[in-house]
């Protein structure tokens, strides 16, 4: 189990290259600490919700002891990228002035291939499958695995598609009790033979205090100015916390579904 830490706030200083395999056109940028980050932009198609999902799911993963590149807040100044020749990128940068999200860039990392030997450890695979069922991650399939092998360790990336209920808050009550049938497509499900143990460990880690600490990281600016059924950012954060707690209380549903699908395939 990892303890919660405050995220650093940096300023993006140099745009290096777009990552066109991402639908929201993230980019590798340099920040004012001299390090490189994969920057996720506020002005991209899914807006602040994608950044919130990336932040919350990534930090939940870290609490569970899974490896996620350091997450930072990245400030984008109005002058950033004015000389960018690509009109699509220039428009994205203009729409993203303010506070964005970055993940530490992992140089020379390569996409993890679960088909290659040796087989993935069942404890680790189960922890990842449990996490993805919990946050309803539709983006850990063989087609788009979002796992990197870096320095002989497995790293989790790209959680912007998780917590998709928050694009329609009226669906939150039913979503928290979802068995998440899409777990059938998870790339690591064949290796996840310790899901009940993973469930017990996760419940011990994700206390109400820990979950409150995770959602407290969400900046006010990402919670304002949109049509949502909340009076203020504090109420909005509390709704995320309640969802995560209710989802945790219903974990037997998605664990049973994952085990059912896995057993049928054996």
Protein backbone atom coordinates (compact mmCIF):
# COMPACT_ATOMS: atom_id res chain seq x y z
CA UNK A 1 0.00 0.00 0.00
CA UNK A 2 1.23 3.48 -0.93
CA UNK A 3 0.55 6.58 1.13
CA UNK A 4 -1.03 9.66 -0.44
CA UNK A 5 1.21 12.56 -1.34
CA UNK A 6 0.50 16.05 -2.60
CA UNK A 7 0.94 16.40 -6.35
CA UNK A 8 3.55 18.79 -7.68
CA UNK A 9 2.52 21.74 -9.87
CA UNK A 10 4.86 22.54 -12.76
CA UNK A 11 4.80 24.77 -15.82
CA UNK A 12 5.13 23.38 -19.34
CA UNK A 13 8.03 25.11 -21.08
CA UNK A 14 8.51 23.27 -24.39
CA UNK A 15 6.27 21.26 -26.68
CA UNK A 16 8.21 18.30 -28.10
CA UNK A 17 5.97 15.87 -29.97
CA UNK A 18 2.32 14.83 -30.19
CA UNK A 19 1.36 11.25 -29.33
CA UNK A 20 -1.07 10.59 -32.13
CA UNK A 21 -1.99 7.11 -30.93
CA UNK A 22 -4.05 8.86 -28.24
CA UNK A 23 -7.48 10.04 -29.33
CA UNK A 24 -7.17 13.24 -27.31
CA UNK A 25 -3.79 14.12 -28.85
CA UNK A 26 -1.61 14.14 -25.73
CA UNK A 27 1.98 15.27 -26.16
CA UNK A 28 5.45 14.91 -24.71
CA UNK A 29 6.47 18.25 -23.18
CA UNK A 30 9.31 19.56 -21.09
CA UNK A 31 8.46 21.22 -17.78
CA UNK A 32 10.29 23.82 -15.72
CA UNK A 33 11.95 21.09 -13.63
CA UNK A 34 13.83 19.99 -16.76
CA UNK A 35 12.00 16.65 -16.98
CA UNK A 36 9.70 15.26 -19.68
CA UNK A 37 6.01 14.53 -19.18
CA UNK A 38 3.15 13.14 -21.22
CA UNK A 39 0.70 16.03 -21.07
CA UNK A 40 -3.07 15.47 -21.12
CA UNK A 41 -4.91 18.61 -22.23
CA UNK A 42 -7.94 20.25 -20.66
CA UNK A 43 -9.11 21.41 -24.09
CA UNK A 44 -9.26 17.89 -25.57
CA UNK A 45 -12.55 16.28 -26.53
CA UNK A 46 -13.49 14.75 -23.15
CA UNK A 47 -12.48 17.88 -21.25
CA UNK A 48 -11.93 17.97 -17.52
CA UNK A 49 -13.62 14.60 -16.95
CA UNK A 50 -10.78 12.78 -18.70
CA UNK A 51 -8.23 14.56 -16.52
CA UNK A 52 -10.22 13.76 -13.38
CA UNK A 53 -10.45 10.10 -14.39
CA UNK A 54 -6.71 10.01 -15.10
CA UNK A 55 -5.94 11.57 -11.74
CA UNK A 56 -8.38 9.61 -9.56
CA UNK A 57 -7.84 6.19 -11.14
CA UNK A 58 -4.09 6.68 -11.32
CA UNK A 59 -3.83 7.62 -7.67
CA UNK A 60 -6.14 4.77 -6.61
CA UNK A 61 -3.79 2.43 -8.50
CA UNK A 62 -0.83 3.93 -6.65
CA UNK A 63 -2.56 3.43 -3.29
CA UNK A 64 -2.96 -0.24 -4.22
CA UNK A 65 0.79 -0.50 -4.78
CA UNK A 66 0.62 -0.58 -8.59
CA UNK A 67 3.17 1.35 -10.64
CA UNK A 68 1.88 4.53 -12.27
CA UNK A 69 4.20 7.26 -13.61
CA UNK A 70 4.29 10.29 -11.33
CA UNK A 71 1.22 12.46 -11.92
CA UNK A 72 1.70 16.22 -11.83
CA UNK A 73 -0.34 19.30 -12.55
CA UNK A 74 1.02 21.15 -15.57
CA UNK A 75 0.29 24.83 -16.09
CA UNK A 76 0.01 26.01 -19.67
CA UNK A 77 0.72 29.69 -20.27
CA UNK A 78 -1.05 31.61 -23.08
CA UNK A 79 2.22 32.08 -24.99
CA UNK A 80 2.99 28.36 -25.03
CA UNK A 81 3.06 26.87 -28.53
CA UNK A 82 2.25 30.06 -30.44
CA UNK A 83 4.81 29.11 -33.07
CA UNK A 84 3.34 25.61 -33.51
CA UNK A 85 2.71 25.19 -37.28
CA UNK A 86 -0.02 22.53 -36.91
CA UNK A 87 -3.40 24.25 -36.68
CA UNK A 88 -5.07 21.36 -34.80
CA UNK A 89 -2.37 21.36 -32.13
CA UNK A 90 -2.34 25.14 -31.92
CA UNK A 91 -6.11 25.14 -31.35
CA UNK A 92 -5.78 22.47 -28.64
CA UNK A 93 -3.10 24.49 -26.83
CA UNK A 94 -5.23 27.65 -26.91
CA UNK A 95 -8.18 25.73 -25.46
CA UNK A 96 -5.99 24.29 -22.71
CA UNK A 97 -4.49 27.44 -21.18
CA UNK A 98 -4.48 26.96 -17.41
CA UNK A 99 -4.15 23.78 -15.38
CA UNK A 100 -3.61 20.48 -17.17
CA UNK A 101 -2.29 17.05 -16.20
CA UNK A 102 1.04 15.37 -16.84
CA UNK A 103 2.52 11.92 -16.29
CA UNK A 104 6.25 11.41 -16.05
CA UNK A 105 7.61 10.23 -19.38
CA UNK A 106 9.25 6.79 -19.26
CA UNK A 107 12.10 6.81 -21.82
CA UNK A 108 12.70 3.60 -23.78
CA UNK A 109 9.59 1.98 -22.34
CA UNK A 110 7.79 -0.44 -24.64
CA UNK A 111 4.29 -1.83 -24.79
CA UNK A 112 3.83 -4.89 -22.60
CA UNK A 113 2.87 -8.05 -24.47
CA UNK A 114 1.10 -10.56 -22.20
CA UNK A 115 1.43 -13.31 -24.80
CA UNK A 116 5.22 -13.43 -24.50
CA UNK A 117 6.82 -15.53 -21.73
CA UNK A 118 7.18 -15.59 -18.85
CA UNK A 119 3.49 -15.55 -17.85
CA UNK A 120 2.42 -12.63 -15.72
CA UNK A 121 2.32 -13.20 -11.97
CA UNK A 122 -1.23 -13.98 -10.86
CA UNK A 123 -1.12 -11.65 -7.86
CA UNK A 124 -0.13 -8.65 -10.00
CA UNK A 125 -2.55 -9.54 -12.80
CA UNK A 126 -5.38 -9.88 -10.27
CA UNK A 127 -4.60 -6.51 -8.70
CA UNK A 128 -4.73 -4.81 -12.10
CA UNK A 129 -7.92 -6.58 -13.19
CA UNK A 130 -9.53 -5.70 -9.86
CA UNK A 131 -8.55 -2.03 -10.26
CA UNK A 132 -9.90 -1.86 -13.80
CA UNK A 133 -13.19 -3.46 -12.84
CA UNK A 134 -13.47 -1.06 -9.89
CA UNK A 135 -12.93 2.09 -11.97
CA UNK A 136 -14.64 0.56 -15.03
CA UNK A 137 -11.67 0.83 -17.35
CA UNK A 138 -12.66 -0.05 -20.91
CA UNK A 139 -9.11 0.54 -22.14
CA UNK A 140 -6.96 -2.43 -21.08
CA UNK A 141 -7.63 -4.80 -23.95
CA UNK A 142 -5.24 -6.65 -26.24
CA UNK A 143 -5.99 -4.00 -28.86
CA UNK A 144 -5.05 -1.16 -26.54
CA UNK A 145 -3.36 -2.57 -23.45
CA UNK A 146 -2.03 0.65 -21.85
CA UNK A 147 0.69 -1.21 -19.98
CA UNK A 148 4.37 -0.40 -20.38
CA UNK A 149 7.43 -2.49 -19.62
CA UNK A 150 9.99 -0.07 -18.22
CA UNK A 151 13.18 -1.13 -16.47
CA UNK A 152 11.77 -4.67 -16.20
CA UNK A 153 8.69 -3.49 -14.29
CA UNK A 154 5.06 -3.18 -15.36
CA UNK A 155 3.63 0.36 -15.43
CA UNK A 156 -0.01 1.39 -15.85
CA UNK A 157 -0.87 4.37 -18.09
CA UNK A 158 -3.85 6.10 -19.71
CA UNK A 159 -6.83 6.03 -17.35
CA UNK A 160 -8.79 8.84 -19.00
CA UNK A 161 -11.55 6.49 -20.13
CA UNK A 162 -12.32 5.25 -16.61
CA UNK A 163 -15.17 6.48 -14.37
CA UNK A 164 -17.22 7.11 -17.50
CA UNK A 165 -20.41 7.51 -15.45
CA UNK A 166 -19.32 11.11 -14.73
CA UNK A 167 -20.27 12.13 -18.27
CA UNK A 168 -23.85 11.49 -17.09
CA UNK A 169 -24.17 11.81 -13.32
CA UNK A 170 -27.72 10.45 -13.41
CA UNK A 171 -26.17 7.04 -14.13
CA UNK A 172 -23.89 7.05 -11.06
CA UNK A 173 -26.25 5.12 -8.78
CA UNK A 174 -26.58 2.20 -11.20
CA UNK A 175 -22.93 2.35 -12.28
CA UNK A 176 -21.63 1.84 -8.75
CA UNK A 177 -23.36 -1.56 -8.66
CA UNK A 178 -22.36 -2.58 -12.18
CA UNK A 179 -20.85 -6.05 -12.62
CA UNK A 180 -18.81 -4.46 -15.43
CA UNK A 181 -19.35 -7.14 -18.06
CA UNK A 182 -16.73 -5.51 -20.28
CA UNK A 183 -14.12 -7.14 -18.05
CA UNK A 184 -14.43 -10.06 -20.48
CA UNK A 185 -12.15 -8.13 -22.86
CA UNK A 186 -9.42 -7.40 -20.30
CA UNK A 187 -5.99 -8.40 -21.58
CA UNK A 188 -4.84 -9.77 -18.22
CA UNK A 189 -7.97 -11.67 -17.21
CA UNK A 190 -6.51 -15.10 -18.13
CA UNK A 191 -3.73 -14.55 -15.56
CA UNK A 192 -5.95 -13.12 -12.80
CA UNK A 193 -6.36 -16.21 -10.63
CA UNK A 194 -6.22 -14.38 -7.27
CA UNK A 195 -9.12 -11.96 -7.55
CA UNK A 196 -10.69 -12.76 -4.19
CA UNK A 197 -7.36 -12.06 -2.48
CA UNK A 198 -6.96 -8.89 -4.55
CA UNK A 199 -10.42 -7.79 -3.42
CA UNK A 200 -9.55 -8.27 0.25
CA UNK A 201 -6.28 -6.35 -0.10
CA UNK A 202 -7.93 -3.49 -1.96
CA UNK A 203 -10.69 -3.14 0.64
CA UNK A 204 -8.07 -2.95 3.37
CA UNK A 205 -6.23 -0.17 1.50
CA UNK A 206 -9.13 1.92 0.23
CA UNK A 207 -10.51 3.30 3.47
CA UNK A 208 -12.93 6.22 3.49
CA UNK A 209 -10.06 8.46 4.58
CA UNK A 210 -7.84 7.32 1.70
CA UNK A 211 -10.62 7.82 -0.86
CA UNK A 212 -11.33 11.28 0.53
CA UNK A 213 -7.64 12.09 0.13
CA UNK A 214 -7.67 10.99 -3.50
CA UNK A 215 -10.70 13.06 -4.52
CA UNK A 216 -9.37 16.05 -2.58
CA UNK A 217 -6.60 16.21 -5.18
CA UNK A 218 -9.09 17.24 -7.89
CA UNK A 219 -8.56 20.98 -8.53
CA UNK A 220 -11.49 23.35 -8.17
CA UNK A 221 -10.93 24.67 -11.69
CA UNK A 222 -11.77 21.26 -13.18
CA UNK A 223 -15.04 21.15 -11.25
CA UNK A 224 -16.41 24.57 -12.18
CA UNK A 225 -18.13 26.11 -15.17
CA UNK A 226 -19.95 23.04 -16.51
CA UNK A 227 -23.48 21.71 -16.30
CA UNK A 228 -23.33 19.32 -13.35
CA UNK A 229 -25.85 18.71 -10.55
CA UNK A 230 -23.61 20.10 -7.79
CA UNK A 231 -23.61 23.40 -5.95
CA UNK A 232 -19.84 23.74 -5.62
CA UNK A 233 -16.56 21.82 -6.00
CA UNK A 234 -16.77 20.40 -2.48
CA UNK A 235 -20.13 18.78 -3.22
CA UNK A 236 -18.79 17.56 -6.55
CA UNK A 237 -15.78 15.91 -4.87
CA UNK A 238 -18.05 14.33 -2.29
CA UNK A 239 -20.06 12.75 -5.11
CA UNK A 240 -16.89 11.13 -6.45
CA UNK A 241 -16.01 9.89 -2.97
CA UNK A 242 -19.50 8.43 -2.47
CA UNK A 243 -19.34 6.68 -5.82
CA UNK A 244 -15.97 5.13 -5.02
CA UNK A 245 -17.13 4.00 -1.58
CA UNK A 246 -20.37 2.54 -2.94
CA UNK A 247 -18.48 0.85 -5.75
CA UNK A 248 -16.13 -0.68 -3.19
CA UNK A 249 -19.06 -1.96 -1.14
CA UNK A 250 -20.38 -3.70 -4.27
CA UNK A 251 -17.03 -5.24 -5.25
CA UNK A 252 -18.31 -8.81 -4.89
CA UNK A 253 -20.45 -8.17 -7.98
CA UNK A 254 -17.61 -7.30 -10.32
CA UNK A 255 -15.23 -9.84 -8.77
CA UNK A 256 -17.81 -12.57 -9.31
CA UNK A 257 -18.31 -11.48 -12.92
CA UNK A 258 -14.57 -11.49 -13.63
CA UNK A 259 -14.16 -14.92 -12.05
CA UNK A 260 -17.18 -16.26 -13.95
CA UNK A 261 -15.84 -15.15 -17.32
CA UNK A 262 -12.35 -16.38 -16.52
CA UNK A 263 -13.62 -19.82 -15.40
CA UNK A 264 -15.68 -20.22 -18.55
CA UNK A 265 -12.58 -19.67 -20.66
CA UNK A 266 -10.45 -22.28 -18.88
